[in-house]
Amino acid sequence: AQVAAFRVRTRGLAVPGLEHFYWYHTVDLGGGLVTPGDYDFRDQFAAFGFPDDMTGLRVLDVGSATGHFAFEFARRGAAVTSVELPSLAAWDMVSAERDDLLRRLQAEHRADTPEEAYRRHLDGPFRFCRERLGLRIERCYSSVYDLSPEKVGGGGFDLVYAGDILMHLFSPFRALDVLS
């Protein structure tokens, strides 16, 4: 029902491939428009213990996907940098599994190229939501292992949020070392 309602509300928008986007998070875009995400944290956000007022804080959201957490941090006043993989091929997994996954995602998203599958799976949904929300969030395309201060605008962060990425990595301790 949520998917059908979203598609009806967005039918007239000139966003190529929107009907094939993957919505990892449910995001309230205002005016009754809500993305049909697999994970809806809207009613659970308070349980994370983030401050209501994040004005003046610099936040790094690693593995943003659709962007629910990045958007919520920005709504609360934080300066947010969102980190996402530069491509689907950059996922940290065994090559044979990655190749199979890339083929399946390309077919699922009805994409002609792996780049189009990436846009429909990760980058397009985030950009769509960011534009509709009118939030200024920087986007950094990088593997967690390749992050550096230069890639994320220099300086430190008051909060580094890594969501559910650690369980998807071969080297979670290496990732934590990079993020520390």
Protein backbone atom coordinates (compact mmCIF):
# COMPACT_ATOMS: atom_id res chain seq x y z
CA ALA A 1 0.00 0.00 0.00
CA GLN A 2 2.81 2.42 0.90
CA VAL A 3 4.64 1.68 -2.39
CA ALA A 4 1.47 2.22 -4.44
CA ALA A 5 0.65 5.49 -2.65
CA PHE A 6 4.20 6.76 -3.19
CA ARG A 7 4.12 5.89 -6.89
CA VAL A 8 0.78 7.65 -7.36
CA ARG A 9 2.06 10.80 -5.59
CA THR A 10 5.31 10.88 -7.59
CA ARG A 11 4.02 9.80 -11.01
CA GLY A 12 4.29 13.27 -12.57
CA LEU A 13 7.82 14.02 -11.36
CA ALA A 14 10.52 14.13 -14.01
CA VAL A 15 12.95 11.80 -12.23
CA PRO A 16 14.31 9.14 -14.59
CA GLY A 17 13.90 5.64 -13.14
CA LEU A 18 12.13 6.82 -9.97
CA GLU A 19 9.69 3.91 -10.20
CA HIS A 20 12.69 1.53 -9.94
CA PHE A 21 14.44 3.21 -6.99
CA TYR A 22 15.24 1.12 -3.93
CA TRP A 23 14.17 2.69 -0.65
CA TYR A 24 16.31 1.36 2.19
CA HIS A 25 14.87 3.87 4.68
CA THR A 26 11.42 5.33 5.02
CA VAL A 27 11.82 9.10 4.78
CA ASP A 28 9.06 11.62 5.49
CA LEU A 29 9.44 14.24 2.76
CA GLY A 30 6.66 16.44 4.12
CA GLY A 31 3.23 17.23 2.75
CA GLY A 32 2.16 13.61 3.22
CA LEU A 33 4.85 12.24 0.89
CA VAL A 34 6.69 9.32 2.51
CA THR A 35 9.16 6.99 0.80
CA PRO A 36 8.36 3.26 1.04
CA GLY A 37 11.53 2.11 2.85
CA ASP A 38 12.46 -1.34 4.08
CA TYR A 39 13.45 0.19 7.43
CA ASP A 40 11.32 2.82 9.16
CA PHE A 41 13.16 4.49 12.03
CA ARG A 42 10.87 7.51 12.34
CA ASP A 43 9.18 6.31 15.54
CA GLN A 44 12.43 4.87 16.94
CA PHE A 45 14.79 7.79 16.42
CA ALA A 46 14.43 9.06 20.00
CA ALA A 47 15.70 5.70 21.30
CA PHE A 48 19.10 6.38 19.70
CA GLY A 49 19.69 9.22 22.18
CA PHE A 50 20.77 11.87 19.70
CA PRO A 51 20.24 15.43 20.95
CA ASP A 52 17.17 17.30 19.71
CA ASP A 53 19.35 20.32 18.95
CA MET A 54 22.49 19.47 16.98
CA THR A 55 23.20 23.06 15.93
CA GLY A 56 26.93 23.60 15.46
CA LEU A 57 27.78 19.89 15.42
CA ARG A 58 29.66 18.27 12.53
CA VAL A 59 28.29 14.81 11.79
CA LEU A 60 29.67 12.08 9.54
CA ASP A 61 27.05 9.54 8.45
CA VAL A 62 28.87 6.53 6.98
CA GLY A 63 26.81 4.24 4.76
CA SER A 64 23.85 6.62 4.47
CA ALA A 65 21.85 4.59 1.93
CA THR A 66 18.54 6.45 1.43
CA GLY A 67 19.68 8.95 4.07
CA HIS A 68 17.18 8.89 6.95
CA PHE A 69 19.82 9.50 9.61
CA ALA A 70 21.70 12.15 7.61
CA PHE A 71 18.43 14.00 7.02
CA GLU A 72 17.41 13.81 10.66
CA PHE A 73 20.81 15.11 11.81
CA ALA A 74 20.54 18.01 9.35
CA ARG A 75 16.95 18.77 10.45
CA ARG A 76 18.30 19.06 13.98
CA GLY A 77 20.86 21.65 12.82
CA ALA A 78 24.01 19.60 12.24
CA ALA A 79 26.43 20.12 9.37
CA VAL A 80 26.31 16.64 7.82
CA THR A 81 28.65 14.77 5.51
CA SER A 82 27.09 11.62 4.09
CA VAL A 83 29.42 8.83 2.97
CA GLU A 84 28.33 6.23 0.46
CA LEU A 85 30.12 3.78 -1.78
CA PRO A 86 31.28 5.13 -5.14
CA SER A 87 29.72 2.16 -6.97
CA LEU A 88 27.94 -1.13 -6.37
CA ALA A 89 31.17 -2.91 -7.34
CA ALA A 90 32.85 -1.31 -4.31
CA TRP A 91 30.82 -3.43 -1.89
CA ASP A 92 33.07 -5.36 0.46
CA MET A 93 32.31 -8.95 -0.56
CA VAL A 94 33.73 -11.98 -2.33
CA SER A 95 34.13 -11.25 -6.06
CA ALA A 96 31.89 -14.12 -7.24
CA GLU A 97 29.08 -13.02 -4.91
CA ARG A 98 29.54 -9.38 -5.92
CA ASP A 99 29.28 -10.20 -9.63
CA ASP A 100 26.08 -12.18 -9.03
CA LEU A 101 24.64 -9.38 -6.88
CA LEU A 102 25.48 -6.75 -9.50
CA ARG A 103 23.67 -8.76 -12.18
CA ARG A 104 20.63 -9.24 -9.93
CA LEU A 105 20.47 -5.56 -8.96
CA GLN A 106 20.81 -4.45 -12.55
CA ALA A 107 17.88 -6.70 -13.50
CA GLU A 108 15.82 -5.74 -10.44
CA HIS A 109 16.22 -2.02 -11.11
CA ARG A 110 15.66 -2.53 -14.85
CA ALA A 111 18.95 -0.75 -15.46
CA ASP A 112 20.97 -1.02 -18.65
CA THR A 113 24.31 -0.49 -16.91
CA PRO A 114 25.85 -1.10 -13.48
CA GLU A 115 26.11 2.69 -13.10
CA GLU A 116 22.36 3.07 -13.63
CA ALA A 117 21.71 0.26 -11.13
CA TYR A 118 23.89 2.16 -8.62
CA ARG A 119 21.95 5.36 -9.23
CA ARG A 120 18.64 3.58 -8.69
CA HIS A 121 19.81 1.60 -5.67
CA LEU A 122 21.88 4.09 -3.65
CA ASP A 123 22.50 7.52 -5.08
CA GLY A 124 19.19 8.40 -6.73
CA PRO A 125 17.00 7.82 -3.66
CA PHE A 126 19.34 9.89 -1.47
CA ARG A 127 19.51 12.77 -3.96
CA PHE A 128 15.74 12.65 -4.50
CA CYS A 129 15.08 12.98 -0.76
CA ARG A 130 17.77 15.61 -0.17
CA GLU A 131 16.34 17.75 -2.97
CA ARG A 132 12.75 17.46 -1.73
CA LEU A 133 13.78 18.21 1.85
CA GLY A 134 15.94 21.15 0.78
CA LEU A 135 18.72 20.11 3.13
CA ARG A 136 22.36 20.98 2.59
CA ILE A 137 24.25 17.74 3.12
CA GLU A 138 27.66 17.10 1.63
CA ARG A 139 28.10 13.74 -0.11
CA CYS A 140 31.40 11.86 -0.13
CA TYR A 141 31.79 8.80 -2.35
CA SER A 142 34.23 6.41 -0.72
CA SER A 143 34.70 3.01 0.82
CA VAL A 144 34.95 3.26 4.60
CA TYR A 145 38.49 1.88 4.31
CA ASP A 146 39.52 4.75 2.02
CA LEU A 147 38.10 7.62 4.08
CA SER A 148 40.50 10.38 5.00
CA PRO A 149 40.14 13.86 6.48
CA GLU A 150 40.77 15.31 3.01
CA LYS A 151 37.87 13.32 1.51
CA VAL A 152 35.39 14.51 4.14
CA GLY A 153 36.29 18.19 4.28
CA GLY A 154 39.09 18.13 6.83
CA GLY A 155 38.87 18.60 10.55
CA GLY A 156 37.14 16.34 13.01
CA PHE A 157 33.55 15.37 13.61
CA ASP A 158 31.51 15.66 16.78
CA LEU A 159 29.58 12.51 15.86
CA VAL A 160 30.44 9.64 13.53
CA TYR A 161 27.43 7.45 12.83
CA ALA A 162 28.14 4.15 11.09
CA GLY A 163 24.65 2.62 11.21
CA ASP A 164 24.59 -1.01 10.17
CA ILE A 165 27.71 -1.06 8.00
CA LEU A 166 30.02 -3.10 10.24
CA MET A 167 28.14 -6.36 9.73
CA HIS A 168 28.63 -5.96 5.97
CA LEU A 169 32.42 -5.63 6.09
CA PHE A 170 35.28 -8.13 5.88
CA SER A 171 37.33 -5.99 8.27
CA PRO A 172 35.04 -4.19 10.73
CA PHE A 173 37.93 -3.44 13.09
CA ARG A 174 39.89 -1.85 10.24
CA ALA A 175 36.83 0.29 9.47
CA LEU A 176 36.55 1.36 13.11
CA ASP A 177 40.24 2.25 13.11
CA VAL A 178 39.73 4.47 10.04
CA LEU A 179 36.71 6.15 11.67
CA SER A 180 38.43 6.81 15.00
